[in-house]
């Protein structure tokens, strides 16, 4: 299979290249393939991929809140350009979206059938990307995930470890709950999904959910820093530019019917640390 991957240097892009190494992979990176530029449409189409996995995104949630125009340019119009390229060359598209398209008020994990209602600029821009994909294409997989991390990436795990080493103590919120997801596990699930031909919307995260506080405590324990004190605080006490959905775990209902499941987040985190 001839597969193009945008954002191929990112943590998910790298994981996908490893998982799909038996396929013909076309890595697409800036500056040669800047998804915000209209000329990327013919540039991708000329490569004649069978599938385009679109991982490139502005994922700095607070940065999106500070500059929503940039968020829309990258996450919405950038996705429009990739979808138009797929339309032009007849490729199927995988669009990696987020749990932040939901408002976090449901009180239980979100299904693929639940109505999105984003409450921040990042979520709104990613939902706009979803709408472009659904409007422009017939063959697509919208894959929503959450709290993504991998070795070598900049993510919650690396930030917690760095902060612990620098400060010697942490303050982490207890009332933001989600589904930590190990990028290699997500890559494996996407690789299985694109071979099914079952197009649609999917929630792919490691099984289970936890608070940011619980996630941080487990990270410190597994990294040999269990002695570092962690103070539980609320979202109201943690000042930041963006407002995250307070309770937005994702439930994998649709992919599970195809036999595609991810292991529990605790097991995946142990694997991250080589345990």
Protein backbone atom coordinates (compact mmCIF):
# COMPACT_ATOMS: atom_id res chain seq x y z
CA UNK A 1 0.00 0.00 0.00
CA UNK A 2 1.28 3.47 -0.89
CA UNK A 3 0.77 5.63 2.21
CA UNK A 4 1.57 9.33 2.64
CA UNK A 5 1.95 10.68 6.18
CA UNK A 6 1.77 14.39 6.98
CA UNK A 7 3.68 15.51 10.04
CA UNK A 8 5.94 12.51 9.62
CA UNK A 9 8.51 13.89 12.06
CA UNK A 10 5.98 14.11 14.92
CA UNK A 11 5.60 11.47 17.61
CA UNK A 12 2.65 9.77 15.89
CA UNK A 13 4.18 10.19 12.44
CA UNK A 14 7.34 8.40 13.56
CA UNK A 15 5.34 5.63 15.22
CA UNK A 16 3.29 5.13 12.05
CA UNK A 17 6.41 4.84 9.90
CA UNK A 18 7.75 2.15 12.22
CA UNK A 19 4.49 0.19 12.27
CA UNK A 20 3.92 0.51 8.51
CA UNK A 21 7.53 -0.04 7.43
CA UNK A 22 6.51 -2.98 5.21
CA UNK A 23 4.39 -0.58 3.14
CA UNK A 24 5.55 2.12 0.71
CA UNK A 25 5.72 5.19 2.94
CA UNK A 26 5.86 8.79 1.69
CA UNK A 27 6.79 11.13 4.56
CA UNK A 28 5.42 14.65 4.10
CA UNK A 29 7.04 17.41 6.13
CA UNK A 30 7.45 21.16 6.07
CA UNK A 31 8.72 23.14 4.28
CA UNK A 32 8.24 20.99 1.17
CA UNK A 33 4.71 19.99 2.21
CA UNK A 34 3.22 22.81 4.27
CA UNK A 35 -0.44 21.87 4.65
CA UNK A 36 -1.42 25.52 5.15
CA UNK A 37 -0.37 26.40 1.60
CA UNK A 38 -2.88 25.80 -1.26
CA UNK A 39 -0.09 24.46 -3.50
CA UNK A 40 0.20 21.43 -1.24
CA UNK A 41 -3.00 20.11 -2.88
CA UNK A 42 -1.44 19.30 -6.28
CA UNK A 43 1.87 18.43 -4.64
CA UNK A 44 0.31 15.62 -2.60
CA UNK A 45 -2.02 14.53 -5.41
CA UNK A 46 0.92 14.09 -7.80
CA UNK A 47 2.40 11.48 -5.45
CA UNK A 48 -0.63 9.24 -6.08
CA UNK A 49 -0.95 7.80 -2.56
CA UNK A 50 -3.65 5.24 -1.83
CA UNK A 51 -4.04 6.54 1.72
CA UNK A 52 -3.04 9.83 3.34
CA UNK A 53 -2.68 9.80 7.13
CA UNK A 54 -2.97 13.39 8.27
CA UNK A 55 -1.20 13.83 11.61
CA UNK A 56 0.17 17.35 11.04
CA UNK A 57 -1.55 19.78 13.39
CA UNK A 58 -1.17 22.66 15.79
CA UNK A 59 -1.45 20.72 19.05
CA UNK A 60 -0.28 23.46 21.42
CA UNK A 61 -3.67 23.88 23.09
CA UNK A 62 -2.76 27.07 24.95
CA UNK A 63 -1.11 28.41 21.79
CA UNK A 64 -4.37 27.82 19.94
CA UNK A 65 -6.21 29.84 22.59
CA UNK A 66 -3.76 32.72 22.22
CA UNK A 67 -3.85 32.62 18.40
CA UNK A 68 -7.13 31.05 17.22
CA UNK A 69 -6.59 32.31 13.66
CA UNK A 70 -3.41 30.27 13.44
CA UNK A 71 -5.25 27.27 14.91
CA UNK A 72 -7.90 27.50 12.19
CA UNK A 73 -5.26 27.99 9.49
CA UNK A 74 -3.38 24.84 10.47
CA UNK A 75 -6.06 22.53 11.83
CA UNK A 76 -9.03 23.53 9.67
CA UNK A 77 -7.73 24.91 6.37
CA UNK A 78 -4.68 22.65 6.49
CA UNK A 79 -7.02 19.68 6.74
CA UNK A 80 -9.15 21.08 3.93
CA UNK A 81 -6.06 21.15 1.71
CA UNK A 82 -5.16 17.55 2.53
CA UNK A 83 -8.76 16.45 1.92
CA UNK A 84 -8.80 18.24 -1.44
CA UNK A 85 -5.57 16.45 -2.38
CA UNK A 86 -7.18 13.12 -1.49
CA UNK A 87 -10.24 14.08 -3.50
CA UNK A 88 -8.05 14.90 -6.50
CA UNK A 89 -6.05 11.65 -6.49
CA UNK A 90 -8.73 9.30 -5.16
CA UNK A 91 -6.94 8.49 -1.90
CA UNK A 92 -8.62 7.54 1.34
CA UNK A 93 -7.84 9.84 4.26
CA UNK A 94 -7.14 9.32 7.94
CA UNK A 95 -7.67 12.48 9.97
CA UNK A 96 -6.35 12.41 13.53
CA UNK A 97 -8.68 14.44 15.74
CA UNK A 98 -9.10 14.90 19.48
CA UNK A 99 -11.25 14.34 22.54
CA UNK A 100 -11.34 18.14 22.87
CA UNK A 101 -14.13 18.32 20.28
CA UNK A 102 -16.35 17.50 23.30
CA UNK A 103 -17.25 19.82 26.17
CA UNK A 104 -16.57 17.31 28.95
CA UNK A 105 -19.96 17.60 30.64
CA UNK A 106 -21.48 14.22 29.70
CA UNK A 107 -20.30 12.54 32.89
CA UNK A 108 -19.23 9.32 31.15
CA UNK A 109 -16.89 8.37 28.28
CA UNK A 110 -17.85 9.77 24.89
CA UNK A 111 -19.04 7.52 22.09
CA UNK A 112 -18.39 8.14 18.42
CA UNK A 113 -22.09 9.02 18.08
CA UNK A 114 -22.09 11.81 20.67
CA UNK A 115 -22.50 15.34 19.41
CA UNK A 116 -19.32 17.45 19.54
CA UNK A 117 -19.41 20.74 21.38
CA UNK A 118 -15.88 22.12 21.75
CA UNK A 119 -15.21 24.76 24.41
CA UNK A 120 -11.76 25.95 23.33
CA UNK A 121 -10.02 27.15 20.18
CA UNK A 122 -8.07 23.93 19.71
CA UNK A 123 -11.22 21.80 19.84
CA UNK A 124 -13.12 24.15 17.54
CA UNK A 125 -10.31 24.13 14.96
CA UNK A 126 -10.03 20.34 15.03
CA UNK A 127 -13.81 19.95 14.68
CA UNK A 128 -13.68 22.28 11.67
CA UNK A 129 -11.12 19.89 10.19
CA UNK A 130 -13.49 16.98 10.80
CA UNK A 131 -16.27 18.82 8.95
CA UNK A 132 -14.04 19.49 5.95
CA UNK A 133 -13.15 15.79 5.76
CA UNK A 134 -16.78 14.70 5.98
CA UNK A 135 -17.92 17.28 3.45
CA UNK A 136 -15.23 16.73 0.83
CA UNK A 137 -14.64 12.98 0.93
CA UNK A 138 -16.55 9.72 0.78
CA UNK A 139 -13.69 7.51 1.99
CA UNK A 140 -12.26 8.67 5.30
CA UNK A 141 -11.40 7.58 8.82
CA UNK A 142 -11.72 10.26 11.49
CA UNK A 143 -9.71 9.00 14.45
CA UNK A 144 -10.19 10.85 17.72
CA UNK A 145 -7.52 10.29 20.34
CA UNK A 146 -6.30 11.99 23.53
CA UNK A 147 -3.28 12.80 25.70
CA UNK A 148 -0.81 11.37 23.17
CA UNK A 149 2.77 10.59 24.21
CA UNK A 150 5.79 8.72 22.90
CA UNK A 151 9.49 8.46 23.60
CA UNK A 152 11.41 11.39 22.18
CA UNK A 153 8.35 13.64 21.96
CA UNK A 154 7.29 16.74 23.85
CA UNK A 155 4.27 15.61 25.83
CA UNK A 156 2.73 15.41 29.30
CA UNK A 157 5.08 12.61 30.36
CA UNK A 158 8.25 14.49 29.47
CA UNK A 159 6.91 17.73 30.95
CA UNK A 160 6.08 16.07 34.27
CA UNK A 161 9.52 14.47 34.52
CA UNK A 162 11.28 17.71 33.62
CA UNK A 163 9.20 19.74 36.08
CA UNK A 164 9.81 17.20 38.85
CA UNK A 165 13.57 17.33 38.29
CA UNK A 166 13.65 21.12 38.15
CA UNK A 167 11.28 21.96 41.01
CA UNK A 168 11.34 18.96 43.31
CA UNK A 169 7.57 19.12 43.82
CA UNK A 170 4.49 19.41 41.61
CA UNK A 171 0.94 20.75 41.60
CA UNK A 172 -1.35 18.83 39.18
CA UNK A 173 -5.08 19.09 38.51
CA UNK A 174 -7.45 16.35 39.67
CA UNK A 175 -10.59 17.45 37.81
CA UNK A 176 -9.39 17.02 34.23
CA UNK A 177 -9.97 13.40 33.25
CA UNK A 178 -9.08 11.75 29.96
CA UNK A 179 -7.53 8.75 28.22
CA UNK A 180 -3.71 8.69 28.01
CA UNK A 181 -2.63 7.20 24.68
CA UNK A 182 0.75 5.71 23.75
CA UNK A 183 1.57 6.70 20.16
CA UNK A 184 2.95 3.26 19.12
CA UNK A 185 -0.32 1.65 20.27
CA UNK A 186 -2.37 4.21 18.34
CA UNK A 187 -0.21 3.64 15.26
CA UNK A 188 -0.84 -0.11 15.45
CA UNK A 189 -4.59 0.51 15.69
CA UNK A 190 -4.57 2.91 12.71
CA UNK A 191 -2.58 0.40 10.66
CA UNK A 192 -5.26 -2.23 11.33
CA UNK A 193 -8.08 0.23 10.66
CA UNK A 194 -6.91 1.31 7.20
CA UNK A 195 -6.91 -2.33 6.09
CA UNK A 196 -10.59 -2.79 6.95
CA UNK A 197 -12.21 -0.41 4.48
CA UNK A 198 -14.76 0.43 7.19
CA UNK A 199 -14.81 4.18 6.81
CA UNK A 200 -16.21 6.41 9.54
CA UNK A 201 -15.50 7.99 12.92
CA UNK A 202 -13.48 6.09 15.53
CA UNK A 203 -12.29 6.67 19.08
CA UNK A 204 -8.85 5.15 19.57
CA UNK A 205 -7.19 5.58 22.96
CA UNK A 206 -5.63 3.23 25.44
CA UNK A 207 -8.38 1.67 27.55
CA UNK A 208 -9.44 3.32 30.76
CA UNK A 209 -9.23 6.87 32.07
CA UNK A 210 -7.52 8.87 34.78
CA UNK A 211 -7.04 12.40 36.01
CA UNK A 212 -3.98 14.46 35.17
CA UNK A 213 -3.02 14.06 38.83
CA UNK A 214 -3.26 10.25 38.75
CA UNK A 215 -1.34 10.16 35.47
CA UNK A 216 1.42 12.35 36.90
CA UNK A 217 1.73 10.25 40.07
CA UNK A 218 2.06 7.07 38.01
CA UNK A 219 4.64 8.69 35.72
CA UNK A 220 6.77 9.64 38.73
CA UNK A 221 6.46 6.17 40.25
CA UNK A 222 7.49 4.37 37.06
CA UNK A 223 10.37 6.77 36.37
CA UNK A 224 11.88 6.27 39.83
CA UNK A 225 10.63 9.60 41.15
CA UNK A 226 7.90 8.35 43.45
CA UNK A 227 9.38 10.39 46.30
CA UNK A 228 8.50 13.68 44.57
CA UNK A 229 5.49 15.26 46.34
CA UNK A 230 2.47 16.03 44.16
CA UNK A 231 -0.19 18.43 45.40
CA UNK A 232 -3.69 17.88 43.96
CA UNK A 233 -5.30 21.11 42.71
CA UNK A 234 -8.37 22.04 40.64
CA UNK A 235 -8.59 23.46 37.14
CA UNK A 236 -9.75 26.73 38.70
CA UNK A 237 -6.43 26.95 40.56
CA UNK A 238 -4.32 26.27 37.47
CA UNK A 239 -4.20 29.38 35.32
CA UNK A 240 -3.72 28.77 31.61
CA UNK A 241 -4.84 30.27 28.31
CA UNK A 242 -7.12 27.39 27.29
CA UNK A 243 -10.01 25.69 29.07
CA UNK A 244 -9.90 21.89 28.68
CA UNK A 245 -13.00 19.69 28.81
CA UNK A 246 -13.09 18.49 32.43
CA UNK A 247 -14.23 14.91 31.79
CA UNK A 248 -13.60 13.69 28.26
CA UNK A 249 -12.43 10.07 28.12
CA UNK A 250 -13.20 8.41 24.79
CA UNK A 251 -14.92 5.04 24.51
CA UNK A 252 -13.80 2.81 21.65
CA UNK A 253 -17.11 1.35 20.52
CA UNK A 254 -16.87 1.26 16.72
CA UNK A 255 -13.33 -0.05 16.23
CA UNK A 256 -13.89 -2.66 18.93
CA UNK A 257 -16.60 -4.18 16.72
CA UNK A 258 -13.85 -4.70 14.12
CA UNK A 259 -11.60 -6.35 16.69
CA UNK A 260 -9.38 -3.28 17.11
CA UNK A 261 -8.64 -2.51 20.76
CA UNK A 262 -5.83 -0.83 22.64
CA UNK A 263 -4.40 -2.14 25.91
CA UNK A 264 -5.07 -0.38 29.24
CA UNK A 265 -3.26 2.93 29.69
CA UNK A 266 -1.35 1.64 32.73
CA UNK A 267 0.17 -1.19 30.67
CA UNK A 268 1.06 1.19 27.86
CA UNK A 269 2.78 3.59 30.27
CA UNK A 270 4.88 0.74 31.65
CA UNK A 271 5.90 -0.12 28.09
CA UNK A 272 6.93 3.50 27.53
CA UNK A 273 9.37 3.12 30.42
CA UNK A 274 10.54 -0.27 29.18
CA UNK A 275 8.98 -2.14 32.10
